[in-house]
Amino acid sequence: MSTVSAYAATSATDPLTKTTVTRRDVGPNDVAFDIHFAGICHSDLHTVRGEWGPVDYPMVPGHEIAGLVTE
């Protein structure tokens, strides 16, 4: 297991706050990479606000990423 820094939503209305996230080990069918850039798009805002269903907070938004494969 490893830890990484991330910005997470702690509620539907609070600003994102810096946090530490524990990641599981890389499995045999996984790819590990260092994220260099991440984007937040409008769908992330809907998700954080709970507009598309229940949200388990803290929640790290962002699915548009760029980086380098490390493993």
PDB file of N, CA and C in Angstrom:
ATOM      1  N   MET A   1       0.845  -1.179   0.000  1.00  0.00           N
ATOM      2  CA  MET A   1       0.000   0.000   0.000  1.00  0.00           C
ATOM      3  C   MET A   1       0.886   1.237   0.000  1.00  0.00           C
ATOM      4  N   SER A   2       0.398   2.271  -0.642  1.00  0.00           N
ATOM      5  CA  SER A   2       1.130   3.535  -0.673  1.00  0.00           C
ATOM      6  C   SER A   2       0.153   4.670  -0.398  1.00  0.00           C
ATOM      7  N   THR A   3       0.688   5.838  -0.108  1.00  0.00           N
ATOM      8  CA  THR A   3      -0.157   7.008   0.102  1.00  0.00           C
ATOM      9  C   THR A   3       0.190   8.063  -0.936  1.00  0.00           C
ATOM     10  N   VAL A   4      -0.825   8.821  -1.335  1.00  0.00           N
ATOM     11  CA  VAL A   4      -0.660   9.897  -2.310  1.00  0.00           C
ATOM     12  C   VAL A   4      -1.405  11.128  -1.817  1.00  0.00           C
ATOM     13  N   SER A   5      -1.000  12.291  -2.302  1.00  0.00           N
ATOM     14  CA  SER A   5      -1.713  13.538  -1.997  1.00  0.00           C
ATOM     15  C   SER A   5      -2.831  13.727  -3.005  1.00  0.00           C
ATOM     16  N   ALA A   6      -3.944  14.264  -2.543  1.00  0.00           N
ATOM     17  CA  ALA A   6      -5.093  14.508  -3.414  1.00  0.00           C
ATOM     18  C   ALA A   6      -5.907  15.660  -2.842  1.00  0.00           C
ATOM     19  N   TYR A   7      -6.784  16.201  -3.667  1.00  0.00           N
ATOM     20  CA  TYR A   7      -7.756  17.188  -3.209  1.00  0.00           C
ATOM     21  C   TYR A   7      -9.115  16.513  -3.196  1.00  0.00           C
ATOM     22  N   ALA A   8      -9.785  16.573  -2.055  1.00  0.00           N
ATOM     23  CA  ALA A   8     -11.034  15.847  -1.877  1.00  0.00           C
ATOM     24  C   ALA A   8     -12.163  16.781  -1.473  1.00  0.00           C
ATOM     25  N   ALA A   9     -13.364  16.404  -1.891  1.00  0.00           N
ATOM     26  CA  ALA A   9     -14.579  17.070  -1.423  1.00  0.00           C
ATOM     27  C   ALA A   9     -14.999  16.372  -0.139  1.00  0.00           C
ATOM     28  N   THR A  10     -15.240  17.147   0.910  1.00  0.00           N
ATOM     29  CA  THR A  10     -15.687  16.573   2.179  1.00  0.00           C
ATOM     30  C   THR A  10     -17.193  16.720   2.370  1.00  0.00           C
ATOM     31  N   SER A  11     -17.820  17.494   1.482  1.00  0.00           N
ATOM     32  CA  SER A  11     -19.274  17.652   1.480  1.00  0.00           C
ATOM     33  C   SER A  11     -19.677  18.179   0.107  1.00  0.00           C
ATOM     34  N   ALA A  12     -20.966  18.334  -0.097  1.00  0.00           N
ATOM     35  CA  ALA A  12     -21.465  18.816  -1.381  1.00  0.00           C
ATOM     36  C   ALA A  12     -21.194  20.296  -1.603  1.00  0.00           C
ATOM     37  N   THR A  13     -20.876  21.039  -0.540  1.00  0.00           N
ATOM     38  CA  THR A  13     -20.755  22.493  -0.674  1.00  0.00           C
ATOM     39  C   THR A  13     -19.407  23.067  -0.265  1.00  0.00           C
ATOM     40  N   ASP A  14     -18.601  22.328   0.492  1.00  0.00           N
ATOM     41  CA  ASP A  14     -17.310  22.858   0.936  1.00  0.00           C
ATOM     42  C   ASP A  14     -16.287  22.824  -0.198  1.00  0.00           C
ATOM     43  N   PRO A  15     -15.301  23.729  -0.164  1.00  0.00           N
ATOM     44  CA  PRO A  15     -14.244  23.690  -1.182  1.00  0.00           C
ATOM     45  C   PRO A  15     -13.398  22.421  -1.032  1.00  0.00           C
ATOM     46  N   LEU A  16     -12.722  22.036  -2.103  1.00  0.00           N
ATOM     47  CA  LEU A  16     -11.831  20.884  -2.043  1.00  0.00           C
ATOM     48  C   LEU A  16     -10.701  21.171  -1.062  1.00  0.00           C
ATOM     49  N   THR A  17     -10.291  20.149  -0.318  1.00  0.00           N
ATOM     50  CA  THR A  17      -9.206  20.306   0.643  1.00  0.00           C
ATOM     51  C   THR A  17      -8.142  19.247   0.372  1.00  0.00           C
ATOM     52  N   LYS A  18      -6.881  19.625   0.634  1.00  0.00           N
ATOM     53  CA  LYS A  18      -5.778  18.694   0.421  1.00  0.00           C
ATOM     54  C   LYS A  18      -5.846  17.598   1.472  1.00  0.00           C
ATOM     55  N   THR A  19      -5.625  16.365   1.031  1.00  0.00           N
ATOM     56  CA  THR A  19      -5.704  15.212   1.917  1.00  0.00           C
ATOM     57  C   THR A  19      -4.710  14.154   1.465  1.00  0.00           C
ATOM     58  N   THR A  20      -4.595  13.103   2.230  1.00  0.00           N
ATOM     59  CA  THR A  20      -3.767  11.954   1.871  1.00  0.00           C
ATOM     60  C   THR A  20      -4.678  10.754   1.660  1.00  0.00           C
ATOM     61  N   VAL A  21      -4.449  10.022   0.577  1.00  0.00           N
ATOM     62  CA  VAL A  21      -5.261   8.863   0.228  1.00  0.00           C
ATOM     63  C   VAL A  21      -4.368   7.625   0.230  1.00  0.00           C
ATOM     64  N   THR A  22      -4.844   6.546   0.827  1.00  0.00           N
ATOM     65  CA  THR A  22      -4.118   5.279   0.798  1.00  0.00           C
ATOM     66  C   THR A  22      -4.548   4.503  -0.440  1.00  0.00           C
ATOM     67  N   ARG A  23      -3.571   4.082  -1.226  1.00  0.00           N
ATOM     68  CA  ARG A  23      -3.837   3.327  -2.457  1.00  0.00           C
ATOM     69  C   ARG A  23      -3.485   1.859  -2.243  1.00  0.00           C
ATOM     70  N   ARG A  24      -4.237   0.972  -2.858  1.00  0.00           N
ATOM     71  CA  ARG A  24      -3.911  -0.449  -2.774  1.00  0.00           C
ATOM     72  C   ARG A  24      -2.688  -0.740  -3.636  1.00  0.00           C
ATOM     73  N   ASP A  25      -2.086  -1.890  -3.420  1.00  0.00           N
ATOM     74  CA  ASP A  25      -0.935  -2.295  -4.219  1.00  0.00           C
ATOM     75  C   ASP A  25      -1.355  -2.531  -5.668  1.00  0.00           C
ATOM     76  N   VAL A  26      -0.419  -2.336  -6.577  1.00  0.00           N
ATOM     77  CA  VAL A  26      -0.659  -2.570  -8.000  1.00  0.00           C
ATOM     78  C   VAL A  26      -0.781  -4.073  -8.221  1.00  0.00           C
ATOM     79  N   GLY A  27      -1.852  -4.476  -8.896  1.00  0.00           N
ATOM     80  CA  GLY A  27      -2.085  -5.892  -9.167  1.00  0.00           C
ATOM     81  C   GLY A  27      -1.502  -6.327 -10.500  1.00  0.00           C
ATOM     82  N   PRO A  28      -1.594  -7.607 -10.819  1.00  0.00           N
ATOM     83  CA  PRO A  28      -0.995  -8.132 -12.047  1.00  0.00           C
ATOM     84  C   PRO A  28      -1.641  -7.596 -13.326  1.00  0.00           C
ATOM     85  N   ASN A  29      -2.856  -7.101 -13.248  1.00  0.00           N
ATOM     86  CA  ASN A  29      -3.543  -6.564 -14.430  1.00  0.00           C
ATOM     87  C   ASN A  29      -3.675  -5.049 -14.385  1.00  0.00           C
ATOM     88  N   ASP A  30      -2.905  -4.390 -13.518  1.00  0.00           N
ATOM     89  CA  ASP A  30      -2.971  -2.940 -13.337  1.00  0.00           C
ATOM     90  C   ASP A  30      -1.797  -2.246 -14.016  1.00  0.00           C
ATOM     91  N   VAL A  31      -1.949  -0.957 -14.205  1.00  0.00           N
ATOM     92  CA  VAL A  31      -0.873  -0.082 -14.666  1.00  0.00           C
ATOM     93  C   VAL A  31      -0.715   1.007 -13.612  1.00  0.00           C
ATOM     94  N   ALA A  32       0.511   1.246 -13.174  1.00  0.00           N
ATOM     95  CA  ALA A  32       0.784   2.331 -12.227  1.00  0.00           C
ATOM     96  C   ALA A  32       1.352   3.514 -12.996  1.00  0.00           C
ATOM     97  N   PHE A  33       0.986   4.714 -12.581  1.00  0.00           N
ATOM     98  CA  PHE A  33       1.521   5.902 -13.245  1.00  0.00           C
ATOM     99  C   PHE A  33       1.547   7.068 -12.280  1.00  0.00           C
ATOM    100  N   ASP A  34       2.453   7.996 -12.547  1.00  0.00           N
ATOM    101  CA  ASP A  34       2.526   9.245 -11.794  1.00  0.00           C
ATOM    102  C   ASP A  34       1.651  10.262 -12.504  1.00  0.00           C
ATOM    103  N   ILE A  35       0.675  10.800 -11.803  1.00  0.00           N
ATOM    104  CA  ILE A  35      -0.210  11.811 -12.387  1.00  0.00           C
ATOM    105  C   ILE A  35       0.507  13.153 -12.368  1.00  0.00           C
ATOM    106  N   HIS A  36       0.615  13.780 -13.531  1.00  0.00           N
ATOM    107  CA  HIS A  36       1.247  15.095 -13.638  1.00  0.00           C
ATOM    108  C   HIS A  36       0.202  16.206 -13.729  1.00  0.00           C
ATOM    109  N   PHE A  37      -0.937  15.901 -14.334  1.00  0.00           N
ATOM    110  CA  PHE A  37      -2.017  16.880 -14.483  1.00  0.00           C
ATOM    111  C   PHE A  37      -3.352  16.170 -14.310  1.00  0.00           C
ATOM    112  N   ALA A  38      -4.323  16.875 -13.740  1.00  0.00           N
ATOM    113  CA  ALA A  38      -5.679  16.345 -13.612  1.00  0.00           C
ATOM    114  C   ALA A  38      -6.662  17.476 -13.842  1.00  0.00           C
ATOM    115  N   GLY A  39      -7.729  17.171 -14.534  1.00  0.00           N
ATOM    116  CA  GLY A  39      -8.748  18.175 -14.810  1.00  0.00           C
ATOM    117  C   GLY A  39     -10.035  17.869 -14.069  1.00  0.00           C
ATOM    118  N   ILE A  40     -10.741  18.917 -13.720  1.00  0.00           N
ATOM    119  CA  ILE A  40     -12.067  18.796 -13.125  1.00  0.00           C
ATOM    120  C   ILE A  40     -13.050  19.319 -14.164  1.00  0.00           C
ATOM    121  N   CYS A  41     -13.979  18.474 -14.577  1.00  0.00           N
ATOM    122  CA  CYS A  41     -14.958  18.906 -15.572  1.00  0.00           C
ATOM    123  C   CYS A  41     -16.334  19.044 -14.911  1.00  0.00           C
ATOM    124  N   HIS A  42     -17.302  19.471 -15.696  1.00  0.00           N
ATOM    125  CA  HIS A  42     -18.632  19.745 -15.157  1.00  0.00           C
ATOM    126  C   HIS A  42     -19.276  18.490 -14.562  1.00  0.00           C
ATOM    127  N   SER A  43     -19.014  17.323 -15.153  1.00  0.00           N
ATOM    128  CA  SER A  43     -19.600  16.098 -14.588  1.00  0.00           C
ATOM    129  C   SER A  43     -19.061  15.817 -13.185  1.00  0.00           C
ATOM    130  N   ASP A  44     -17.799  16.198 -12.919  1.00  0.00           N
ATOM    131  CA  ASP A  44     -17.249  16.043 -11.572  1.00  0.00           C
ATOM    132  C   ASP A  44     -18.011  16.909 -10.574  1.00  0.00           C
ATOM    133  N   LEU A  45     -18.385  18.111 -10.978  1.00  0.00           N
ATOM    134  CA  LEU A  45     -19.147  18.995 -10.087  1.00  0.00           C
ATOM    135  C   LEU A  45     -20.500  18.385  -9.739  1.00  0.00           C
ATOM    136  N   HIS A  46     -21.183  17.813 -10.743  1.00  0.00           N
ATOM    137  CA  HIS A  46     -22.463  17.146 -10.475  1.00  0.00           C
ATOM    138  C   HIS A  46     -22.275  15.991  -9.494  1.00  0.00           C
ATOM    139  N   THR A  47     -21.202  15.222  -9.681  1.00  0.00           N
ATOM    140  CA  THR A  47     -20.940  14.082  -8.805  1.00  0.00           C
ATOM    141  C   THR A  47     -20.668  14.538  -7.380  1.00  0.00           C
ATOM    142  N   VAL A  48     -19.784  15.540  -7.214  1.00  0.00           N
ATOM    143  CA  VAL A  48     -19.456  16.057  -5.877  1.00  0.00           C
ATOM    144  C   VAL A  48     -20.704  16.567  -5.172  1.00  0.00           C
ATOM    145  N   ARG A  49     -21.578  17.227  -5.897  1.00  0.00           N
ATOM    146  CA  ARG A  49     -22.796  17.798  -5.303  1.00  0.00           C
ATOM    147  C   ARG A  49     -23.868  16.752  -5.020  1.00  0.00           C
ATOM    148  N   GLY A  50     -23.636  15.512  -5.444  1.00  0.00           N
ATOM    149  CA  GLY A  50     -24.622  14.461  -5.217  1.00  0.00           C
ATOM    150  C   GLY A  50     -25.818  14.546  -6.136  1.00  0.00           C
ATOM    151  N   GLU A  51     -25.673  15.232  -7.264  1.00  0.00           N
ATOM    152  CA  GLU A  51     -26.796  15.426  -8.176  1.00  0.00           C
ATOM    153  C   GLU A  51     -27.091  14.187  -9.019  1.00  0.00           C
ATOM    154  N   TRP A  52     -26.177  13.224  -9.049  1.00  0.00           N
ATOM    155  CA  TRP A  52     -26.377  11.997  -9.825  1.00  0.00           C
ATOM    156  C   TRP A  52     -26.489  10.774  -8.934  1.00  0.00           C
ATOM    157  N   GLY A  53     -26.700  10.996  -7.653  1.00  0.00           N
ATOM    158  CA  GLY A  53     -26.834   9.880  -6.723  1.00  0.00           C
ATOM    159  C   GLY A  53     -26.041  10.135  -5.458  1.00  0.00           C
ATOM    160  N   PRO A  54     -26.153   9.234  -4.505  1.00  0.00           N
ATOM    161  CA  PRO A  54     -25.460   9.401  -3.224  1.00  0.00           C
ATOM    162  C   PRO A  54     -23.941   9.423  -3.395  1.00  0.00           C
ATOM    163  N   VAL A  55     -23.262  10.171  -2.524  1.00  0.00           N
ATOM    164  CA  VAL A  55     -21.805  10.306  -2.563  1.00  0.00           C
ATOM    165  C   VAL A  55     -21.241   9.893  -1.211  1.00  0.00           C
ATOM    166  N   ASP A  56     -20.178   9.113  -1.243  1.00  0.00           N
ATOM    167  CA  ASP A  56     -19.432   8.786  -0.027  1.00  0.00           C
ATOM    168  C   ASP A  56     -18.286   9.777   0.091  1.00  0.00           C
ATOM    169  N   TYR A  57     -18.375  10.665   1.082  1.00  0.00           N
ATOM    170  CA  TYR A  57     -17.313  11.654   1.310  1.00  0.00           C
ATOM    171  C   TYR A  57     -16.309  11.099   2.309  1.00  0.00           C
ATOM    172  N   PRO A  58     -15.033  11.434   2.208  1.00  0.00           N
ATOM    173  CA  PRO A  58     -14.443  12.325   1.217  1.00  0.00           C
ATOM    174  C   PRO A  58     -14.390  11.659  -0.155  1.00  0.00           C
ATOM    175  N   MET A  59     -14.493  12.485  -1.192  1.00  0.00           N
ATOM    176  CA  MET A  59     -14.537  12.020  -2.573  1.00  0.00           C
ATOM    177  C   MET A  59     -13.524  12.821  -3.376  1.00  0.00           C
ATOM    178  N   VAL A  60     -12.661  12.143  -4.111  1.00  0.00           N
ATOM    179  CA  VAL A  60     -11.651  12.808  -4.941  1.00  0.00           C
ATOM    180  C   VAL A  60     -12.179  12.868  -6.369  1.00  0.00           C
ATOM    181  N   PRO A  61     -12.567  14.064  -6.843  1.00  0.00           N
ATOM    182  CA  PRO A  61     -13.079  14.175  -8.206  1.00  0.00           C
ATOM    183  C   PRO A  61     -11.940  14.218  -9.220  1.00  0.00           C
ATOM    184  N   GLY A  62     -12.292  14.023 -10.470  1.00  0.00           N
ATOM    185  CA  GLY A  62     -11.324  14.130 -11.558  1.00  0.00           C
ATOM    186  C   GLY A  62     -11.074  12.800 -12.222  1.00  0.00           C
ATOM    187  N   HIS A  63     -11.383  12.713 -13.491  1.00  0.00           N
ATOM    188  CA  HIS A  63     -11.136  11.486 -14.245  1.00  0.00           C
ATOM    189  C   HIS A  63     -10.374  11.773 -15.537  1.00  0.00           C
ATOM    190  N   GLU A  64     -10.023  13.022 -15.753  1.00  0.00           N
ATOM    191  CA  GLU A  64      -9.238  13.412 -16.928  1.00  0.00           C
ATOM    192  C   GLU A  64      -7.816  13.672 -16.446  1.00  0.00           C
ATOM    193  N   ILE A  65      -6.910  12.734 -16.716  1.00  0.00           N
ATOM    194  CA  ILE A  65      -5.566  12.821 -16.159  1.00  0.00           C
ATOM    195  C   ILE A  65      -4.509  12.597 -17.232  1.00  0.00           C
ATOM    196  N   ALA A  66      -3.310  13.101 -16.961  1.00  0.00           N
ATOM    197  CA  ALA A  66      -2.147  12.871 -17.826  1.00  0.00           C
ATOM    198  C   ALA A  66      -0.943  12.626 -16.930  1.00  0.00           C
ATOM    199  N   GLY A  67      -0.108  11.676 -17.322  1.00  0.00           N
ATOM    200  CA  GLY A  67       1.067  11.367 -16.519  1.00  0.00           C
ATOM    201  C   GLY A  67       1.968  10.383 -17.227  1.00  0.00           C
ATOM    202  N   LEU A  68       2.867   9.779 -16.467  1.00  0.00           N
ATOM    203  CA  LEU A  68       3.827   8.823 -17.002  1.00  0.00           C
ATOM    204  C   LEU A  68       3.636   7.456 -16.359  1.00  0.00           C
ATOM    205  N   VAL A  69       3.637   6.422 -17.190  1.00  0.00           N
ATOM    206  CA  VAL A  69       3.528   5.053 -16.688  1.00  0.00           C
ATOM    207  C   VAL A  69       4.814   4.697 -15.956  1.00  0.00           C
ATOM    208  N   THR A  70       4.676   4.147 -14.752  1.00  0.00           N
ATOM    209  CA  THR A  70       5.844   3.774 -13.947  1.00  0.00           C
ATOM    210  C   THR A  70       5.954   2.268 -13.743  1.00  0.00           C
ATOM    211  N   GLU A  71       4.877   1.543 -13.956  1.00  0.00           N
ATOM    212  CA  GLU A  71       4.906   0.093 -13.747  1.00  0.00           C
ATOM    213  C   GLU A  71       3.864  -0.589 -14.601  1.00  0.00           C
TER     214      GLU A  71
END
